[in-house]
Amino acid sequence: MLFFMVFFLFYNRIQVALWLRDIAGALNRLKVMRDDARRVALTTINEIGKPKEDVTQRVDRFLEYFEISPVNLDPAGIILKLEHLINVRDERFKDEVKMMAPASDEAQTHNLENLLEATWALNTIYRVVRHFYLFGKKTMSFYIIMQLQMLLPIILQEAEAFSGALNAFANGQPIGDGAGALVAAKLMHNYEKVEVAKDVVMAEVPLDGRKLLVLKAEGPGGNVGRPGDGVKALLDKNEGKVSMVVMIDAALKFEGEKTGEISEGIGAAIGGEGVDRYKIEEVATKYKVPVNALIIKESIQEAISPMKKEIFQAADEAITRIRRILAERTKEGDLVIVAGIGNTIGIAQ
């Protein structure tokens, strides 16, 4: 009876102590991942960029970088504000990398930028978890500690995904998120490319009696480009002539689904902050052009880790699906835009 009384009275404290032990262990894992990422970033910058001075302090300043979202109390015009903020951030990141690694070329600059962003993400995850761990320990708040412990599996999964991406970004290897870009690269191979928007290239490709305007981010550096501007420029230039837009992108799979499976749908298949999707939806609505989508399924770890064989092989299946969509929903002589979305690191055109 005494044991049960003590257990009943101190159950919450015992449970909190066990949770805090679990969180402390996870926090140590996150710290190791963050420190390894910082080490890889510094080593890669020194090897590729040949800086003339120590860049350690500059990298540490980068890891503390933050971004303030636009005010959304009055949503009118928020897309333009968000786009401006993203453009400024991208230019700032690129300038920082060029100062850290003056000897790097354009592709290497993009790769180093991706590497630093992954390191920044790991540092941010570590800082946030540490904050709630120390705050929960300080206040002994049952609910703060409980929520943090319950979210740990998801947090660690995301952190491990960023940690696994470090070597891919450091070595310029294709990653799972480049599945859509790979499809576009296969279609436009050996055809002349022109730049249609910032960091976006396009090629005219004849296929099954149709003319495809295939676009992707310019590779092989780690780059997603501005596909929204690319699709808008092509629809404006070919006003009333485009029969369809087909978009291909990687997407997170549900548990139990196989990596590399392909699903078909409608709408602008593109992630990010929403600026590019907004532009594509606006211009497609303006010209009454249907937007079809193909997604190649993968997990969050596979999305930012070196591309798996299943994802690479899915690109050929995606092209087969595109040809079937063209045969069923367009006629010979039609003009179709095909947009391969995703990070084009390691994938040229």
Protein backbone atom coordinates (compact mmCIF):
# COMPACT_ATOMS: atom_id res chain seq x y z
CA MET A 1 0.00 0.00 0.00
CA LEU A 2 2.82 2.38 0.85
CA PHE A 3 4.47 1.70 -2.52
CA PHE A 4 1.25 2.44 -4.41
CA MET A 5 0.65 5.60 -2.41
CA VAL A 6 4.15 6.90 -3.15
CA PHE A 7 3.84 5.92 -6.81
CA PHE A 8 0.46 7.64 -7.06
CA LEU A 9 1.71 10.84 -5.41
CA PHE A 10 4.95 11.09 -7.39
CA TYR A 11 3.86 9.54 -10.69
CA ASN A 12 4.06 12.82 -12.60
CA ARG A 13 7.55 13.60 -11.30
CA ILE A 14 8.79 10.11 -12.16
CA GLN A 15 7.32 10.36 -15.65
CA VAL A 16 8.80 13.82 -16.19
CA ALA A 17 12.23 12.57 -15.10
CA LEU A 18 12.05 9.72 -17.62
CA TRP A 19 10.96 12.08 -20.39
CA LEU A 20 13.75 14.53 -19.57
CA ARG A 21 16.27 11.70 -19.80
CA ASP A 22 14.97 10.77 -23.28
CA ILE A 23 15.05 14.40 -24.43
CA ALA A 24 18.59 14.89 -23.10
CA GLY A 25 19.76 11.89 -25.12
CA ALA A 26 18.08 13.20 -28.26
CA LEU A 27 19.56 16.65 -27.64
CA ASN A 28 23.05 15.15 -27.53
CA ARG A 29 22.39 13.43 -30.87
CA LEU A 30 21.24 16.71 -32.37
CA LYS A 31 24.35 18.47 -31.09
CA VAL A 32 26.59 15.83 -32.68
CA MET A 33 24.73 16.22 -36.00
CA ARG A 34 25.00 20.02 -35.81
CA ASP A 35 28.73 19.90 -35.02
CA ASP A 36 29.41 17.38 -37.80
CA ALA A 37 27.52 19.55 -40.28
CA ARG A 38 29.50 22.62 -39.27
CA ARG A 39 32.75 20.70 -39.65
CA VAL A 40 31.78 19.42 -43.12
CA ALA A 41 30.75 22.93 -44.19
CA LEU A 42 34.05 24.46 -43.06
CA THR A 43 36.11 21.70 -44.66
CA THR A 44 34.25 21.92 -47.98
CA ILE A 45 34.46 25.72 -48.10
CA ASN A 46 38.21 25.62 -47.46
CA GLU A 47 38.77 22.91 -50.08
CA ILE A 48 36.62 24.41 -52.84
CA GLY A 49 36.55 28.12 -52.10
CA LYS A 50 40.23 28.65 -51.20
CA PRO A 51 39.47 31.53 -48.80
CA LYS A 52 42.38 33.81 -47.95
CA GLU A 53 41.31 34.14 -44.32
CA ASP A 54 39.63 32.02 -41.65
CA VAL A 55 35.89 31.77 -42.41
CA THR A 56 34.87 30.14 -39.12
CA GLN A 57 33.31 33.29 -37.69
CA ARG A 58 31.49 34.04 -40.94
CA VAL A 59 30.03 30.51 -41.02
CA ASP A 60 28.94 30.81 -37.39
CA ARG A 61 27.23 34.11 -38.17
CA PHE A 62 25.45 32.44 -41.08
CA LEU A 63 24.14 29.70 -38.78
CA GLU A 64 22.38 32.36 -36.68
CA TYR A 65 20.70 33.93 -39.70
CA PHE A 66 16.95 34.57 -39.36
CA GLU A 67 14.09 35.71 -41.56
CA ILE A 68 11.05 37.77 -40.54
CA SER A 69 7.91 36.89 -42.47
CA PRO A 70 5.74 39.68 -43.94
CA VAL A 71 2.78 40.98 -41.97
CA ASN A 72 -0.29 38.92 -42.92
CA LEU A 73 -3.02 40.78 -41.01
CA ASP A 74 -4.06 42.27 -44.34
CA PRO A 75 -3.32 39.49 -46.87
CA ALA A 76 -3.71 41.70 -49.95
CA GLY A 77 -0.34 41.95 -51.68
CA ILE A 78 1.41 39.53 -49.34
CA ILE A 79 2.67 37.39 -52.27
CA LEU A 80 4.65 40.32 -53.68
CA LYS A 81 6.12 41.03 -50.24
CA LEU A 82 7.00 37.37 -49.77
CA GLU A 83 8.60 37.16 -53.21
CA HIS A 84 10.70 40.24 -52.50
CA LEU A 85 11.79 38.78 -49.16
CA ILE A 86 12.76 35.45 -50.76
CA ASN A 87 14.71 37.19 -53.54
CA VAL A 88 16.60 39.31 -51.02
CA ARG A 89 17.36 36.23 -48.92
CA ASP A 90 18.61 34.28 -51.95
CA GLU A 91 20.88 37.11 -53.06
CA ARG A 92 22.15 37.58 -49.51
CA PHE A 93 22.95 33.87 -49.19
CA LYS A 94 24.75 33.82 -52.52
CA ASP A 95 26.79 36.90 -51.62
CA GLU A 96 27.76 35.37 -48.29
CA VAL A 97 28.93 32.17 -49.99
CA LYS A 98 30.95 34.09 -52.59
CA MET A 99 32.73 35.98 -49.80
CA MET A 100 33.44 32.72 -47.96
CA ALA A 101 34.51 30.82 -51.09
CA PRO A 102 35.88 33.28 -53.66
CA ALA A 103 37.40 30.53 -55.84
CA SER A 104 34.12 28.64 -56.33
CA ASP A 105 32.36 28.70 -59.71
CA GLU A 106 28.61 29.25 -60.18
CA ALA A 107 27.64 25.59 -59.70
CA GLN A 108 29.89 25.18 -56.66
CA THR A 109 28.45 28.37 -55.15
CA HIS A 110 24.94 26.91 -55.39
CA ASN A 111 26.13 23.62 -53.86
CA LEU A 112 27.84 25.38 -50.96
CA GLU A 113 24.73 27.46 -50.40
CA ASN A 114 22.67 24.25 -50.10
CA LEU A 115 25.27 22.80 -47.72
CA LEU A 116 25.15 25.87 -45.49
CA GLU A 117 21.35 25.88 -45.50
CA ALA A 118 21.31 22.24 -44.33
CA THR A 119 23.80 23.15 -41.59
CA TRP A 120 21.66 26.17 -40.65
CA ALA A 121 18.57 23.91 -40.43
CA LEU A 122 20.34 21.48 -38.09
CA ASN A 123 21.56 24.34 -35.92
CA THR A 124 18.04 25.78 -35.73
CA ILE A 125 16.49 22.42 -34.81
CA TYR A 126 19.10 21.95 -32.07
CA ARG A 127 18.52 25.45 -30.65
CA VAL A 128 14.73 25.06 -30.58
CA VAL A 129 14.82 21.64 -28.90
CA ARG A 130 17.41 22.88 -26.39
CA HIS A 131 15.23 25.89 -25.58
CA PHE A 132 12.13 23.84 -24.76
CA TYR A 133 14.19 21.21 -22.93
CA LEU A 134 15.81 23.78 -20.63
CA PHE A 135 12.58 25.75 -20.24
CA GLY A 136 10.61 22.60 -19.41
CA LYS A 137 13.31 21.46 -16.98
CA LYS A 138 13.39 24.89 -15.35
CA THR A 139 9.62 25.12 -14.87
CA MET A 140 9.03 21.35 -14.52
CA SER A 141 6.01 21.88 -16.76
CA PHE A 142 4.43 18.48 -17.39
CA TYR A 143 2.80 19.58 -20.67
CA ILE A 144 5.83 21.28 -22.24
CA ILE A 145 8.04 18.26 -21.56
CA MET A 146 5.35 15.79 -22.65
CA GLN A 147 4.76 17.54 -25.99
CA LEU A 148 8.48 17.78 -26.71
CA GLN A 149 9.05 14.11 -25.92
CA MET A 150 6.13 13.09 -28.16
CA LEU A 151 7.48 15.14 -31.07
CA LEU A 152 11.03 13.78 -30.76
CA PRO A 153 10.67 10.97 -33.35
CA ILE A 154 9.52 13.45 -36.02
CA ILE A 155 12.18 16.00 -35.04
CA LEU A 156 14.97 13.41 -35.15
CA GLN A 157 13.74 12.06 -38.48
CA GLU A 158 13.94 15.51 -40.02
CA ALA A 159 17.35 16.19 -38.47
CA GLU A 160 18.71 12.88 -39.75
CA ALA A 161 17.45 13.77 -43.23
CA PHE A 162 19.44 17.02 -43.21
CA SER A 163 22.46 15.22 -41.76
CA GLY A 164 22.30 12.61 -44.53
CA ALA A 165 22.19 15.35 -47.17
CA LEU A 166 25.52 16.91 -46.19
CA ASN A 167 27.74 14.69 -48.35
CA ALA A 168 25.40 15.06 -51.33
CA PHE A 169 25.59 18.85 -51.14
CA ALA A 170 29.34 18.82 -50.47
CA ASN A 171 30.07 16.55 -53.44
CA GLY A 172 27.42 17.85 -55.85
CA GLN A 173 25.50 14.55 -56.02
CA PRO A 174 21.90 14.41 -57.30
CA ILE A 175 19.31 14.17 -54.53
CA GLY A 176 15.81 12.73 -54.45
CA ASP A 177 14.20 16.15 -54.73
CA GLY A 178 15.71 16.42 -58.21
CA ALA A 179 13.36 13.77 -59.63
CA GLY A 180 11.31 16.31 -61.59
CA ALA A 181 14.43 18.06 -62.86
CA LEU A 182 15.81 14.69 -63.99
CA VAL A 183 12.68 14.02 -66.07
CA ALA A 184 13.05 17.41 -67.77
CA ALA A 185 16.79 16.83 -68.31
CA LYS A 186 16.10 13.50 -70.04
CA LEU A 187 13.53 15.14 -72.33
CA MET A 188 15.69 18.14 -73.30
CA HIS A 189 18.96 16.22 -73.71
CA ASN A 190 20.73 17.14 -76.98
CA TYR A 191 18.33 20.03 -77.70
CA GLU A 192 19.26 23.70 -77.65
CA LYS A 193 18.57 25.43 -74.33
CA VAL A 194 17.71 29.07 -73.70
CA GLU A 195 17.21 30.95 -70.44
CA VAL A 196 13.57 31.97 -69.95
CA ALA A 197 13.76 33.22 -66.35
CA LYS A 198 16.38 33.62 -63.65
CA ASP A 199 18.18 30.26 -63.26
CA VAL A 200 15.60 28.51 -65.48
CA VAL A 201 16.37 27.02 -68.91
CA MET A 202 13.99 25.80 -71.63
CA ALA A 203 14.29 23.63 -74.72
CA GLU A 204 11.84 22.99 -77.57
CA VAL A 205 11.40 19.23 -77.84
CA PRO A 206 9.30 17.41 -80.48
CA LEU A 207 7.51 14.38 -79.02
CA ASP A 208 4.79 12.22 -80.58
CA GLY A 209 3.77 14.97 -83.01
CA ARG A 210 3.51 17.62 -80.27
CA LYS A 211 5.93 20.42 -79.50
CA LEU A 212 7.02 20.48 -75.87
CA LEU A 213 8.49 23.50 -74.14
CA VAL A 214 10.49 21.71 -71.45
CA LEU A 215 11.92 23.76 -68.59
CA LYS A 216 13.95 23.10 -65.46
CA ALA A 217 16.28 24.90 -63.08
CA GLU A 218 19.73 25.45 -64.53
CA GLY A 219 22.17 22.79 -63.32
CA PRO A 220 24.33 21.12 -62.31
CA GLY A 221 24.63 23.40 -59.27
CA GLY A 222 22.20 23.05 -56.37
CA ASN A 223 19.43 25.29 -57.62
CA VAL A 224 15.62 25.32 -57.81
CA GLY A 225 15.38 28.44 -59.98
CA ARG A 226 12.17 30.38 -60.44
CA PRO A 227 9.90 28.03 -62.39
CA GLY A 228 6.87 30.24 -61.74
CA ASP A 229 8.49 33.02 -63.76
CA GLY A 230 9.50 30.50 -66.43
CA VAL A 231 5.99 29.10 -66.91
CA LYS A 232 4.50 32.61 -66.87
CA ALA A 233 6.97 33.86 -69.49
CA LEU A 234 6.18 30.94 -71.82
CA LEU A 235 2.40 31.30 -71.44
CA ASP A 236 2.59 35.07 -72.02
CA LYS A 237 4.82 34.61 -75.07
CA ASN A 238 2.56 31.91 -76.57
CA GLU A 239 -0.74 33.51 -75.59
CA GLY A 240 -3.65 31.27 -76.50
CA LYS A 241 -1.42 28.64 -78.15
CA VAL A 242 -0.54 26.40 -75.20
CA SER A 243 -2.89 23.43 -74.80
CA MET A 244 -1.64 22.12 -71.46
CA VAL A 245 0.93 22.47 -68.71
CA VAL A 246 2.40 19.29 -67.21
CA MET A 247 4.40 19.58 -63.99
CA ILE A 248 6.59 16.86 -62.46
CA ASP A 249 7.88 17.05 -58.91
CA ALA A 250 8.93 14.88 -55.98
CA ALA A 251 6.40 14.50 -53.17
CA LEU A 252 6.40 12.96 -49.71
CA LYS A 253 4.98 9.45 -49.66
CA PHE A 254 2.69 7.99 -47.06
CA GLU A 255 4.05 5.25 -44.83
CA GLY A 256 3.61 1.92 -46.59
CA GLU A 257 4.00 3.34 -50.10
CA LYS A 258 6.97 2.39 -52.25
CA THR A 259 9.72 4.84 -53.15
CA GLY A 260 9.48 5.85 -56.80
CA GLU A 261 5.74 5.27 -57.20
CA ILE A 262 4.06 7.83 -59.45
CA SER A 263 0.65 9.42 -59.02
CA GLU A 264 -1.21 11.68 -61.43
CA GLY A 265 -3.34 14.68 -60.56
CA ILE A 266 -4.15 18.25 -61.43
CA GLY A 267 -2.77 21.55 -60.17
CA ALA A 268 0.63 23.16 -59.78
CA ALA A 269 2.96 20.50 -58.36
CA ILE A 270 5.54 22.65 -56.63
CA GLY A 271 6.50 23.22 -53.01
CA GLY A 272 8.25 26.11 -51.34
CA GLU A 273 6.77 29.27 -49.91
CA GLY A 274 3.94 29.38 -52.47
CA VAL A 275 5.15 32.25 -54.66
CA ASP A 276 5.84 30.10 -57.73
CA ARG A 277 2.63 28.13 -57.31
CA TYR A 278 0.67 31.38 -57.07
CA LYS A 279 2.21 32.68 -60.32
CA ILE A 280 1.50 29.46 -62.19
CA GLU A 281 -2.09 29.30 -60.95
CA GLU A 282 -2.68 32.96 -61.85
CA VAL A 283 -1.34 32.76 -65.40
CA ALA A 284 -2.96 29.35 -66.07
CA THR A 285 -6.31 30.75 -64.95
CA LYS A 286 -5.81 33.84 -67.10
CA TYR A 287 -5.32 31.81 -70.28
CA LYS A 288 -7.65 28.93 -69.26
CA VAL A 289 -4.84 26.37 -69.59
CA PRO A 290 -5.27 23.05 -67.72
CA VAL A 291 -2.42 22.13 -65.38
CA ASN A 292 -1.70 18.43 -64.95
CA ALA A 293 0.71 17.04 -62.38
CA LEU A 294 2.86 13.98 -61.83
CA ILE A 295 4.45 13.29 -58.46
CA ILE A 296 7.26 10.85 -57.71
CA LYS A 297 6.89 9.56 -54.16
CA GLU A 298 9.71 9.48 -51.63
CA SER A 299 10.34 10.03 -47.93
CA ILE A 300 11.73 13.21 -46.42
CA GLN A 301 15.10 11.50 -45.91
CA GLU A 302 15.18 10.37 -49.56
CA ALA A 303 14.22 13.85 -50.76
CA ILE A 304 17.45 15.46 -49.58
CA SER A 305 19.77 12.44 -49.63
CA PRO A 306 21.69 11.06 -52.64
CA MET A 307 19.18 9.91 -55.26
CA LYS A 308 18.13 6.29 -54.91
CA LYS A 309 17.97 3.85 -57.80
CA GLU A 310 14.17 3.62 -57.52
CA ILE A 311 13.81 7.39 -57.94
CA PHE A 312 16.23 7.47 -60.88
CA GLN A 313 14.30 4.69 -62.63
CA ALA A 314 10.99 6.45 -61.93
CA ALA A 315 12.06 9.24 -64.31
CA ASP A 316 11.62 6.91 -67.30
CA GLU A 317 8.20 5.84 -66.04
CA ALA A 318 7.26 9.52 -65.66
CA ILE A 319 8.14 10.15 -69.33
CA THR A 320 5.93 7.20 -70.30
CA ARG A 321 3.11 8.75 -68.26
CA ILE A 322 3.65 12.12 -69.96
CA ARG A 323 3.38 10.50 -73.39
CA ARG A 324 0.11 8.83 -72.39
CA ILE A 325 -1.31 12.11 -71.09
CA LEU A 326 -0.35 13.83 -74.34
CA ALA A 327 -1.98 11.07 -76.40
CA GLU A 328 -5.21 11.18 -74.37
CA ARG A 329 -5.62 14.91 -73.78
CA THR A 330 -3.94 16.69 -76.67
CA LYS A 331 -3.81 16.32 -80.45
CA GLU A 332 -0.96 16.38 -82.92
CA GLY A 333 0.52 19.83 -83.44
CA ASP A 334 -0.40 21.05 -79.95
CA LEU A 335 2.01 23.12 -77.87
CA VAL A 336 2.57 21.79 -74.34
CA ILE A 337 4.69 23.13 -71.45
CA VAL A 338 6.47 20.48 -69.38
CA ALA A 339 8.03 21.77 -66.15
CA GLY A 340 10.47 19.60 -64.19
CA ILE A 341 10.46 20.95 -60.63
CA GLY A 342 13.07 20.34 -57.97
CA ASN A 343 16.65 20.90 -56.85
CA THR A 344 18.86 20.28 -59.87
CA ILE A 345 22.10 19.61 -57.98
CA GLY A 346 24.20 17.17 -59.99
CA ILE A 347 21.70 17.25 -62.89
CA ALA A 348 22.77 19.21 -65.95
CA GLN A 349 20.56 19.85 -68.95
